[in-house]
Amino acid sequence: MSRYLIPRRITQRWEILPGWGWRELGAAGVGLGIGVVLLLLSLLLPSGGGWGIAGRTLLLLLPAGGGAGLAMPMATGGSMLDMLQGARAYGRTRHFYPYDFGRDDA
């Protein structure tokens, strides 16, 4: 009887660029939507808010970059958004700090 290798399941993630999948694309899209809203609000101000084309471009692209930056995987494997959610969950839990009242600290 011959031996053969048992194939294991291959998980492949669809990526546009290395590290850029659907989650990152969605976060950048939400950020871009927020940027468009900010741009339109700045155009409602008299004389366009006094911003030049560079300021308007930054107002449009900075939220998109921030959204993508939140979703991009870091070296630890998780994203910045995962880290912020973990910090929020840690802050909501109860912590116990044992202290020995009979011990002299000096």
PDB file of N, CA and C in Angstrom:
ATOM      1  N   MET A   1       0.853  -1.177   0.000  1.00  0.00           N
ATOM      2  CA  MET A   1       0.000   0.000   0.000  1.00  0.00           C
ATOM      3  C   MET A   1       0.898   1.239   0.000  1.00  0.00           C
ATOM      4  N   SER A   2       0.615   2.144  -0.881  1.00  0.00           N
ATOM      5  CA  SER A   2       1.460   3.330  -0.980  1.00  0.00           C
ATOM      6  C   SER A   2       0.939   4.434  -0.054  1.00  0.00           C
ATOM      7  N   ARG A   3       1.869   5.239   0.390  1.00  0.00           N
ATOM      8  CA  ARG A   3       1.514   6.357   1.269  1.00  0.00           C
ATOM      9  C   ARG A   3       1.284   7.590   0.408  1.00  0.00           C
ATOM     10  N   TYR A   4       0.369   8.410   0.830  1.00  0.00           N
ATOM     11  CA  TYR A   4       0.113   9.639   0.096  1.00  0.00           C
ATOM     12  C   TYR A   4      -0.138  10.762   1.099  1.00  0.00           C
ATOM     13  N   LEU A   5       0.091  11.963   0.666  1.00  0.00           N
ATOM     14  CA  LEU A   5      -0.128  13.122   1.519  1.00  0.00           C
ATOM     15  C   LEU A   5      -1.602  13.501   1.521  1.00  0.00           C
ATOM     16  N   ILE A   6      -2.090  13.820   2.692  1.00  0.00           N
ATOM     17  CA  ILE A   6      -3.474  14.258   2.811  1.00  0.00           C
ATOM     18  C   ILE A   6      -3.488  15.774   2.631  1.00  0.00           C
ATOM     19  N   PRO A   7      -4.210  16.252   1.652  1.00  0.00           N
ATOM     20  CA  PRO A   7      -4.214  17.708   1.436  1.00  0.00           C
ATOM     21  C   PRO A   7      -4.948  18.421   2.559  1.00  0.00           C
ATOM     22  N   ARG A   8      -4.446  19.573   2.923  1.00  0.00           N
ATOM     23  CA  ARG A   8      -5.139  20.364   3.936  1.00  0.00           C
ATOM     24  C   ARG A   8      -5.778  21.567   3.268  1.00  0.00           C
ATOM     25  N   ARG A   9      -6.686  22.148   3.972  1.00  0.00           N
ATOM     26  CA  ARG A   9      -7.429  23.261   3.419  1.00  0.00           C
ATOM     27  C   ARG A   9      -6.513  24.479   3.249  1.00  0.00           C
ATOM     28  N   ILE A  10      -6.594  25.103   2.131  1.00  0.00           N
ATOM     29  CA  ILE A  10      -5.795  26.289   1.860  1.00  0.00           C
ATOM     30  C   ILE A  10      -6.703  27.503   1.989  1.00  0.00           C
ATOM     31  N   THR A  11      -6.314  28.398   2.845  1.00  0.00           N
ATOM     32  CA  THR A  11      -7.081  29.634   2.984  1.00  0.00           C
ATOM     33  C   THR A  11      -6.331  30.721   2.241  1.00  0.00           C
ATOM     34  N   GLN A  12      -6.993  31.300   1.291  1.00  0.00           N
ATOM     35  CA  GLN A  12      -6.383  32.350   0.501  1.00  0.00           C
ATOM     36  C   GLN A  12      -7.215  33.606   0.653  1.00  0.00           C
ATOM     37  N   ARG A  13      -6.549  34.684   0.889  1.00  0.00           N
ATOM     38  CA  ARG A  13      -7.215  35.950   1.067  1.00  0.00           C
ATOM     39  C   ARG A  13      -7.059  36.766  -0.203  1.00  0.00           C
ATOM     40  N   TRP A  14      -8.167  37.292  -0.705  1.00  0.00           N
ATOM     41  CA  TRP A  14      -8.102  38.107  -1.908  1.00  0.00           C
ATOM     42  C   TRP A  14      -7.442  39.427  -1.563  1.00  0.00           C
ATOM     43  N   GLU A  15      -6.443  39.821  -2.341  1.00  0.00           N
ATOM     44  CA  GLU A  15      -5.716  41.054  -2.079  1.00  0.00           C
ATOM     45  C   GLU A  15      -5.568  41.859  -3.359  1.00  0.00           C
ATOM     46  N   ILE A  16      -5.756  43.165  -3.247  1.00  0.00           N
ATOM     47  CA  ILE A  16      -5.492  44.070  -4.354  1.00  0.00           C
ATOM     48  C   ILE A  16      -3.988  44.282  -4.448  1.00  0.00           C
ATOM     49  N   LEU A  17      -3.407  44.698  -3.348  1.00  0.00           N
ATOM     50  CA  LEU A  17      -1.969  44.855  -3.164  1.00  0.00           C
ATOM     51  C   LEU A  17      -1.588  44.009  -1.964  1.00  0.00           C
ATOM     52  N   PRO A  18      -0.319  43.723  -1.743  1.00  0.00           N
ATOM     53  CA  PRO A  18       0.059  42.955  -0.546  1.00  0.00           C
ATOM     54  C   PRO A  18      -0.403  43.663   0.724  1.00  0.00           C
ATOM     55  N   GLY A  19      -1.232  42.989   1.506  1.00  0.00           N
ATOM     56  CA  GLY A  19      -1.777  43.564   2.730  1.00  0.00           C
ATOM     57  C   GLY A  19      -3.075  44.327   2.542  1.00  0.00           C
ATOM     58  N   TRP A  20      -3.545  44.479   1.317  1.00  0.00           N
ATOM     59  CA  TRP A  20      -4.774  45.220   1.031  1.00  0.00           C
ATOM     60  C   TRP A  20      -5.851  44.264   0.547  1.00  0.00           C
ATOM     61  N   GLY A  21      -6.794  43.967   1.426  1.00  0.00           N
ATOM     62  CA  GLY A  21      -7.918  43.105   1.060  1.00  0.00           C
ATOM     63  C   GLY A  21      -9.223  43.880   1.125  1.00  0.00           C
ATOM     64  N   TRP A  22     -10.330  43.147   1.261  1.00  0.00           N
ATOM     65  CA  TRP A  22     -11.648  43.781   1.296  1.00  0.00           C
ATOM     66  C   TRP A  22     -11.818  44.686   2.507  1.00  0.00           C
ATOM     67  N   ARG A  23     -11.293  44.266   3.654  1.00  0.00           N
ATOM     68  CA  ARG A  23     -11.460  45.051   4.879  1.00  0.00           C
ATOM     69  C   ARG A  23     -10.775  46.413   4.743  1.00  0.00           C
ATOM     70  N   GLU A  24      -9.548  46.409   4.225  1.00  0.00           N
ATOM     71  CA  GLU A  24      -8.809  47.650   4.062  1.00  0.00           C
ATOM     72  C   GLU A  24      -9.456  48.538   3.004  1.00  0.00           C
ATOM     73  N   LEU A  25      -9.936  47.909   1.932  1.00  0.00           N
ATOM     74  CA  LEU A  25     -10.606  48.664   0.881  1.00  0.00           C
ATOM     75  C   LEU A  25     -11.892  49.302   1.406  1.00  0.00           C
ATOM     76  N   GLY A  26     -12.644  48.568   2.214  1.00  0.00           N
ATOM     77  CA  GLY A  26     -13.863  49.124   2.813  1.00  0.00           C
ATOM     78  C   GLY A  26     -13.568  50.265   3.769  1.00  0.00           C
ATOM     79  N   ALA A  27     -12.519  50.114   4.588  1.00  0.00           N
ATOM     80  CA  ALA A  27     -12.156  51.181   5.529  1.00  0.00           C
ATOM     81  C   ALA A  27     -11.701  52.430   4.783  1.00  0.00           C
ATOM     82  N   ALA A  28     -10.941  52.243   3.712  1.00  0.00           N
ATOM     83  CA  ALA A  28     -10.518  53.392   2.903  1.00  0.00           C
ATOM     84  C   ALA A  28     -11.723  54.035   2.226  1.00  0.00           C
ATOM     85  N   GLY A  29     -12.691  53.237   1.801  1.00  0.00           N
ATOM     86  CA  GLY A  29     -13.908  53.775   1.185  1.00  0.00           C
ATOM     87  C   GLY A  29     -14.742  54.579   2.159  1.00  0.00           C
ATOM     88  N   VAL A  30     -14.862  54.086   3.392  1.00  0.00           N
ATOM     89  CA  VAL A  30     -15.599  54.838   4.415  1.00  0.00           C
ATOM     90  C   VAL A  30     -14.874  56.142   4.715  1.00  0.00           C
ATOM     91  N   GLY A  31     -13.543  56.080   4.830  1.00  0.00           N
ATOM     92  CA  GLY A  31     -12.769  57.295   5.060  1.00  0.00           C
ATOM     93  C   GLY A  31     -12.890  58.274   3.909  1.00  0.00           C
ATOM     94  N   LEU A  32     -12.920  57.760   2.691  1.00  0.00           N
ATOM     95  CA  LEU A  32     -13.083  58.623   1.523  1.00  0.00           C
ATOM     96  C   LEU A  32     -14.461  59.266   1.521  1.00  0.00           C
ATOM     97  N   GLY A  33     -15.472  58.515   1.937  1.00  0.00           N
ATOM     98  CA  GLY A  33     -16.821  59.088   2.058  1.00  0.00           C
ATOM     99  C   GLY A  33     -16.866  60.208   3.084  1.00  0.00           C
ATOM    100  N   ILE A  34     -16.192  60.006   4.220  1.00  0.00           N
ATOM    101  CA  ILE A  34     -16.113  61.059   5.236  1.00  0.00           C
ATOM    102  C   ILE A  34     -15.365  62.269   4.679  1.00  0.00           C
ATOM    103  N   GLY A  35     -14.301  62.008   3.909  1.00  0.00           N
ATOM    104  CA  GLY A  35     -13.562  63.100   3.290  1.00  0.00           C
ATOM    105  C   GLY A  35     -14.404  63.890   2.307  1.00  0.00           C
ATOM    106  N   VAL A  36     -15.244  63.212   1.537  1.00  0.00           N
ATOM    107  CA  VAL A  36     -16.127  63.901   0.585  1.00  0.00           C
ATOM    108  C   VAL A  36     -17.122  64.778   1.337  1.00  0.00           C
ATOM    109  N   VAL A  37     -17.659  64.246   2.443  1.00  0.00           N
ATOM    110  CA  VAL A  37     -18.597  65.041   3.239  1.00  0.00           C
ATOM    111  C   VAL A  37     -17.894  66.268   3.813  1.00  0.00           C
ATOM    112  N   LEU A  38     -16.679  66.106   4.331  1.00  0.00           N
ATOM    113  CA  LEU A  38     -15.928  67.242   4.855  1.00  0.00           C
ATOM    114  C   LEU A  38     -15.619  68.257   3.754  1.00  0.00           C
ATOM    115  N   LEU A  39     -15.287  67.763   2.575  1.00  0.00           N
ATOM    116  CA  LEU A  39     -15.008  68.653   1.450  1.00  0.00           C
ATOM    117  C   LEU A  39     -16.245  69.453   1.069  1.00  0.00           C
ATOM    118  N   LEU A  40     -17.384  68.793   1.011  1.00  0.00           N
ATOM    119  CA  LEU A  40     -18.623  69.498   0.670  1.00  0.00           C
ATOM    120  C   LEU A  40     -19.000  70.506   1.746  1.00  0.00           C
ATOM    121  N   LEU A  41     -18.759  70.150   3.008  1.00  0.00           N
ATOM    122  CA  LEU A  41     -19.035  71.104   4.089  1.00  0.00           C
ATOM    123  C   LEU A  41     -18.102  72.304   4.019  1.00  0.00           C
ATOM    124  N   SER A  42     -16.851  72.077   3.628  1.00  0.00           N
ATOM    125  CA  SER A  42     -15.921  73.203   3.516  1.00  0.00           C
ATOM    126  C   SER A  42     -16.295  74.105   2.351  1.00  0.00           C
ATOM    127  N   LEU A  43     -16.914  73.550   1.314  1.00  0.00           N
ATOM    128  CA  LEU A  43     -17.330  74.367   0.186  1.00  0.00           C
ATOM    129  C   LEU A  43     -18.546  75.232   0.513  1.00  0.00           C
ATOM    130  N   LEU A  44     -19.287  74.856   1.574  1.00  0.00           N
ATOM    131  CA  LEU A  44     -20.430  75.662   1.989  1.00  0.00           C
ATOM    132  C   LEU A  44     -19.998  76.932   2.705  1.00  0.00           C
ATOM    133  N   LEU A  45     -18.774  76.943   3.218  1.00  0.00           N
ATOM    134  CA  LEU A  45     -18.270  78.136   3.893  1.00  0.00           C
ATOM    135  C   LEU A  45     -18.025  79.235   2.854  1.00  0.00           C
ATOM    136  N   PRO A  46     -18.104  80.485   3.268  1.00  0.00           N
ATOM    137  CA  PRO A  46     -17.844  81.562   2.305  1.00  0.00           C
ATOM    138  C   PRO A  46     -16.419  81.475   1.760  1.00  0.00           C
ATOM    139  N   SER A  47     -16.265  81.684   0.499  1.00  0.00           N
ATOM    140  CA  SER A  47     -15.003  81.601  -0.259  1.00  0.00           C
ATOM    141  C   SER A  47     -14.337  80.246  -0.096  1.00  0.00           C
ATOM    142  N   GLY A  48     -15.118  79.202   0.062  1.00  0.00           N
ATOM    143  CA  GLY A  48     -14.576  77.843   0.155  1.00  0.00           C
ATOM    144  C   GLY A  48     -13.780  77.599   1.421  1.00  0.00           C
ATOM    145  N   GLY A  49     -14.003  78.390   2.438  1.00  0.00           N
ATOM    146  CA  GLY A  49     -13.276  78.215   3.682  1.00  0.00           C
ATOM    147  C   GLY A  49     -11.887  78.824   3.643  1.00  0.00           C
ATOM    148  N   GLY A  50     -11.539  79.477   2.545  1.00  0.00           N
ATOM    149  CA  GLY A  50     -10.227  80.084   2.427  1.00  0.00           C
ATOM    150  C   GLY A  50      -9.112  79.069   2.206  1.00  0.00           C
ATOM    151  N   TRP A  51      -9.454  77.879   1.804  1.00  0.00           N
ATOM    152  CA  TRP A  51      -8.471  76.821   1.601  1.00  0.00           C
ATOM    153  C   TRP A  51      -8.116  76.763   0.127  1.00  0.00           C
ATOM    154  N   GLY A  52      -6.885  76.453  -0.146  1.00  0.00           N
ATOM    155  CA  GLY A  52      -6.476  76.261  -1.530  1.00  0.00           C
ATOM    156  C   GLY A  52      -6.803  74.844  -1.981  1.00  0.00           C
ATOM    157  N   ILE A  53      -6.354  74.520  -3.170  1.00  0.00           N
ATOM    158  CA  ILE A  53      -6.609  73.180  -3.709  1.00  0.00           C
ATOM    159  C   ILE A  53      -5.856  72.118  -2.897  1.00  0.00           C
ATOM    160  N   ALA A  54      -4.676  72.476  -2.370  1.00  0.00           N
ATOM    161  CA  ALA A  54      -3.903  71.514  -1.561  1.00  0.00           C
ATOM    162  C   ALA A  54      -4.636  71.196  -0.261  1.00  0.00           C
ATOM    163  N   GLY A  55      -5.216  72.216   0.363  1.00  0.00           N
ATOM    164  CA  GLY A  55      -5.966  71.994   1.602  1.00  0.00           C
ATOM    165  C   GLY A  55      -7.201  71.144   1.376  1.00  0.00           C
ATOM    166  N   ARG A  56      -7.882  71.380   0.277  1.00  0.00           N
ATOM    167  CA  ARG A  56      -9.069  70.582  -0.043  1.00  0.00           C
ATOM    168  C   ARG A  56      -8.702  69.138  -0.361  1.00  0.00           C
ATOM    169  N   THR A  57      -7.574  68.963  -1.046  1.00  0.00           N
ATOM    170  CA  THR A  57      -7.123  67.603  -1.357  1.00  0.00           C
ATOM    171  C   THR A  57      -6.771  66.851  -0.076  1.00  0.00           C
ATOM    172  N   LEU A  58      -6.083  67.537   0.843  1.00  0.00           N
ATOM    173  CA  LEU A  58      -5.778  66.898   2.132  1.00  0.00           C
ATOM    174  C   LEU A  58      -7.046  66.576   2.905  1.00  0.00           C
ATOM    175  N   LEU A  59      -8.004  67.494   2.863  1.00  0.00           N
ATOM    176  CA  LEU A  59      -9.270  67.270   3.559  1.00  0.00           C
ATOM    177  C   LEU A  59     -10.002  66.063   2.993  1.00  0.00           C
ATOM    178  N   LEU A  60      -9.803  65.795   1.728  1.00  0.00           N
ATOM    179  CA  LEU A  60     -10.442  64.652   1.083  1.00  0.00           C
ATOM    180  C   LEU A  60      -9.683  63.358   1.344  1.00  0.00           C
ATOM    181  N   LEU A  61      -8.345  63.405   1.309  1.00  0.00           N
ATOM    182  CA  LEU A  61      -7.550  62.175   1.353  1.00  0.00           C
ATOM    183  C   LEU A  61      -7.110  61.751   2.753  1.00  0.00           C
ATOM    184  N   LEU A  62      -6.989  62.672   3.705  1.00  0.00           N
ATOM    185  CA  LEU A  62      -6.553  62.284   5.050  1.00  0.00           C
ATOM    186  C   LEU A  62      -7.526  61.316   5.743  1.00  0.00           C
ATOM    187  N   PRO A  63      -8.838  61.531   5.686  1.00  0.00           N
ATOM    188  CA  PRO A  63      -9.729  60.524   6.292  1.00  0.00           C
ATOM    189  C   PRO A  63      -9.628  59.153   5.607  1.00  0.00           C
ATOM    190  N   ALA A  64      -9.426  59.145   4.292  1.00  0.00           N
ATOM    191  CA  ALA A  64      -9.283  57.860   3.588  1.00  0.00           C
ATOM    192  C   ALA A  64      -8.016  57.150   4.043  1.00  0.00           C
ATOM    193  N   GLY A  65      -6.916  57.884   4.174  1.00  0.00           N
ATOM    194  CA  GLY A  65      -5.678  57.290   4.670  1.00  0.00           C
ATOM    195  C   GLY A  65      -5.793  56.833   6.108  1.00  0.00           C
ATOM    196  N   GLY A  66      -6.519  57.595   6.920  1.00  0.00           N
ATOM    197  CA  GLY A  66      -6.730  57.192   8.315  1.00  0.00           C
ATOM    198  C   GLY A  66      -7.553  55.915   8.422  1.00  0.00           C
ATOM    199  N   GLY A  67      -8.584  55.808   7.602  1.00  0.00           N
ATOM    200  CA  GLY A  67      -9.403  54.583   7.609  1.00  0.00           C
ATOM    201  C   GLY A  67      -8.608  53.375   7.159  1.00  0.00           C
ATOM    202  N   ALA A  68      -7.807  53.550   6.109  1.00  0.00           N
ATOM    203  CA  ALA A  68      -6.974  52.440   5.642  1.00  0.00           C
ATOM    204  C   ALA A  68      -5.906  52.100   6.665  1.00  0.00           C
ATOM    205  N   GLY A  69      -5.356  53.117   7.325  1.00  0.00           N
ATOM    206  CA  GLY A  69      -4.343  52.871   8.353  1.00  0.00           C
ATOM    207  C   GLY A  69      -4.892  52.114   9.548  1.00  0.00           C
ATOM    208  N   LEU A  70      -6.150  52.345   9.876  1.00  0.00           N
ATOM    209  CA  LEU A  70      -6.766  51.604  10.976  1.00  0.00           C
ATOM    210  C   LEU A  70      -6.943  50.131  10.634  1.00  0.00           C
ATOM    211  N   ALA A  71      -7.184  49.823   9.370  1.00  0.00           N
ATOM    212  CA  ALA A  71      -7.485  48.451   8.978  1.00  0.00           C
ATOM    213  C   ALA A  71      -6.263  47.671   8.503  1.00  0.00           C
ATOM    214  N   MET A  72      -5.158  48.346   8.184  1.00  0.00           N
ATOM    215  CA  MET A  72      -3.968  47.653   7.669  1.00  0.00           C
ATOM    216  C   MET A  72      -3.375  46.734   8.736  1.00  0.00           C
ATOM    217  N   PRO A  73      -2.954  45.533   8.366  1.00  0.00           N
ATOM    218  CA  PRO A  73      -2.350  44.643   9.347  1.00  0.00           C
ATOM    219  C   PRO A  73      -0.974  45.153   9.785  1.00  0.00           C
ATOM    220  N   MET A  74      -0.714  45.051  11.081  1.00  0.00           N
ATOM    221  CA  MET A  74       0.579  45.457  11.628  1.00  0.00           C
ATOM    222  C   MET A  74       1.486  44.236  11.703  1.00  0.00           C
ATOM    223  N   ALA A  75       2.680  44.419  12.224  1.00  0.00           N
ATOM    224  CA  ALA A  75       3.638  43.327  12.321  1.00  0.00           C
ATOM    225  C   ALA A  75       3.171  42.239  13.288  1.00  0.00           C
ATOM    226  N   THR A  76       2.313  42.594  14.233  1.00  0.00           N
ATOM    227  CA  THR A  76       1.816  41.618  15.199  1.00  0.00           C
ATOM    228  C   THR A  76       0.731  40.724  14.624  1.00  0.00           C
ATOM    229  N   GLY A  77       0.238  41.045  13.426  1.00  0.00           N
ATOM    230  CA  GLY A  77      -0.791  40.229  12.799  1.00  0.00           C
ATOM    231  C   GLY A  77      -2.165  40.857  12.855  1.00  0.00           C
ATOM    232  N   GLY A  78      -2.412  41.697  13.857  1.00  0.00           N
ATOM    233  CA  GLY A  78      -3.694  42.370  13.958  1.00  0.00           C
ATOM    234  C   GLY A  78      -3.605  43.760  13.375  1.00  0.00           C
ATOM    235  N   SER A  79      -4.728  44.438  13.333  1.00  0.00           N
ATOM    236  CA  SER A  79      -4.746  45.805  12.812  1.00  0.00           C
ATOM    237  C   SER A  79      -4.809  46.784  13.980  1.00  0.00           C
ATOM    238  N   MET A  80      -4.649  48.054  13.665  1.00  0.00           N
ATOM    239  CA  MET A  80      -4.742  49.094  14.689  1.00  0.00           C
ATOM    240  C   MET A  80      -6.150  49.120  15.269  1.00  0.00           C
ATOM    241  N   LEU A  81      -7.147  48.864  14.440  1.00  0.00           N
ATOM    242  CA  LEU A  81      -8.527  48.830  14.912  1.00  0.00           C
ATOM    243  C   LEU A  81      -8.726  47.690  15.910  1.00  0.00           C
ATOM    244  N   ASP A  82      -8.136  46.520  15.638  1.00  0.00           N
ATOM    245  CA  ASP A  82      -8.209  45.402  16.582  1.00  0.00           C
ATOM    246  C   ASP A  82      -7.552  45.766  17.910  1.00  0.00           C
ATOM    247  N   MET A  83      -6.419  46.464  17.832  1.00  0.00           N
ATOM    248  CA  MET A  83      -5.708  46.856  19.051  1.00  0.00           C
ATOM    249  C   MET A  83      -6.526  47.860  19.857  1.00  0.00           C
ATOM    250  N   LEU A  84      -7.154  48.823  19.186  1.00  0.00           N
ATOM    251  CA  LEU A  84      -7.984  49.800  19.889  1.00  0.00           C
ATOM    252  C   LEU A  84      -9.220  49.149  20.504  1.00  0.00           C
ATOM    253  N   GLN A  85      -9.812  48.180  19.792  1.00  0.00           N
ATOM    254  CA  GLN A  85     -10.964  47.471  20.357  1.00  0.00           C
ATOM    255  C   GLN A  85     -10.549  46.637  21.567  1.00  0.00           C
ATOM    256  N   GLY A  86      -9.370  46.019  21.509  1.00  0.00           N
ATOM    257  CA  GLY A  86      -8.870  45.257  22.650  1.00  0.00           C
ATOM    258  C   GLY A  86      -8.576  46.149  23.847  1.00  0.00           C
ATOM    259  N   ALA A  87      -8.024  47.337  23.605  1.00  0.00           N
ATOM    260  CA  ALA A  87      -7.754  48.279  24.691  1.00  0.00           C
ATOM    261  C   ALA A  87      -9.049  48.760  25.321  1.00  0.00           C
ATOM    262  N   ARG A  88     -10.064  48.979  24.500  1.00  0.00           N
ATOM    263  CA  ARG A  88     -11.359  49.402  25.036  1.00  0.00           C
ATOM    264  C   ARG A  88     -11.993  48.297  25.874  1.00  0.00           C
ATOM    265  N   ALA A  89     -11.896  47.061  25.393  1.00  0.00           N
ATOM    266  CA  ALA A  89     -12.448  45.935  26.158  1.00  0.00           C
ATOM    267  C   ALA A  89     -11.677  45.742  27.463  1.00  0.00           C
ATOM    268  N   TYR A  90     -10.356  45.934  27.433  1.00  0.00           N
ATOM    269  CA  TYR A  90      -9.555  45.807  28.648  1.00  0.00           C
ATOM    270  C   TYR A  90      -9.916  46.899  29.649  1.00  0.00           C
ATOM    271  N   GLY A  91     -10.177  48.096  29.165  1.00  0.00           N
ATOM    272  CA  GLY A  91     -10.543  49.192  30.053  1.00  0.00           C
ATOM    273  C   GLY A  91     -11.902  49.008  30.702  1.00  0.00           C
ATOM    274  N   ARG A  92     -12.759  48.224  30.080  1.00  0.00           N
ATOM    275  CA  ARG A  92     -14.098  47.998  30.633  1.00  0.00           C
ATOM    276  C   ARG A  92     -14.156  46.832  31.619  1.00  0.00           C
ATOM    277  N   THR A  93     -13.096  46.035  31.685  1.00  0.00           N
ATOM    278  CA  THR A  93     -13.114  44.903  32.598  1.00  0.00           C
ATOM    279  C   THR A  93     -12.629  45.327  33.976  1.00  0.00           C
ATOM    280  N   ARG A  94     -12.957  44.531  34.948  1.00  0.00           N
ATOM    281  CA  ARG A  94     -12.546  44.793  36.314  1.00  0.00           C
ATOM    282  C   ARG A  94     -11.139  44.289  36.514  1.00  0.00           C
ATOM    283  N   HIS A  95     -10.331  45.037  37.250  1.00  0.00           N
ATOM    284  CA  HIS A  95      -8.948  44.647  37.511  1.00  0.00           C
ATOM    285  C   HIS A  95      -8.760  44.440  39.005  1.00  0.00           C
ATOM    286  N   PHE A  96      -7.933  43.478  39.330  1.00  0.00           N
ATOM    287  CA  PHE A  96      -7.648  43.161  40.723  1.00  0.00           C
ATOM    288  C   PHE A  96      -6.153  43.332  40.951  1.00  0.00           C
ATOM    289  N   TYR A  97      -5.819  44.239  41.854  1.00  0.00           N
ATOM    290  CA  TYR A  97      -4.420  44.480  42.186  1.00  0.00           C
ATOM    291  C   TYR A  97      -4.200  44.046  43.633  1.00  0.00           C
ATOM    292  N   PRO A  98      -3.602  42.874  43.826  1.00  0.00           N
ATOM    293  CA  PRO A  98      -3.410  42.406  45.204  1.00  0.00           C
ATOM    294  C   PRO A  98      -2.384  43.269  45.943  1.00  0.00           C
ATOM    295  N   TYR A  99      -2.670  43.536  47.187  1.00  0.00           N
ATOM    296  CA  TYR A  99      -1.768  44.320  48.013  1.00  0.00           C
ATOM    297  C   TYR A  99      -1.701  43.674  49.384  1.00  0.00           C
ATOM    298  N   ASP A 100      -0.519  43.478  49.860  1.00  0.00           N
ATOM    299  CA  ASP A 100      -0.324  42.873  51.170  1.00  0.00           C
ATOM    300  C   ASP A 100      -0.227  43.994  52.193  1.00  0.00           C
ATOM    301  N   PHE A 101      -1.290  44.149  53.005  1.00  0.00           N
ATOM    302  CA  PHE A 101      -1.330  45.249  53.966  1.00  0.00           C
ATOM    303  C   PHE A 101      -0.366  45.013  55.127  1.00  0.00           C
ATOM    304  N   GLY A 102       0.039  43.785  55.345  1.00  0.00           N
ATOM    305  CA  GLY A 102       0.949  43.514  56.452  1.00  0.00           C
ATOM    306  C   GLY A 102       2.414  43.737  56.088  1.00  0.00           C
ATOM    307  N   ARG A 103       2.715  43.948  54.809  1.00  0.00           N
ATOM    308  CA  ARG A 103       4.108  44.112  54.361  1.00  0.00           C
ATOM    309  C   ARG A 103       4.561  45.550  54.536  1.00  0.00           C
ATOM    310  N   ASP A 104       5.788  45.739  54.963  1.00  0.00           N
ATOM    311  CA  ASP A 104       6.344  47.068  55.126  1.00  0.00           C
ATOM    312  C   ASP A 104       6.987  47.484  53.799  1.00  0.00           C
ATOM    313  N   ASP A 105       6.568  48.605  53.231  1.00  0.00           N
ATOM    314  CA  ASP A 105       7.082  49.056  51.943  1.00  0.00           C
ATOM    315  C   ASP A 105       8.443  49.730  52.060  1.00  0.00           C
ATOM    316  N   ALA A 106       8.856  50.124  53.212  1.00  0.00           N
ATOM    317  CA  ALA A 106      10.121  50.868  53.368  1.00  0.00           C
ATOM    318  C   ALA A 106      11.318  50.002  53.310  1.00  0.00           C
TER     319      ALA A 106
END
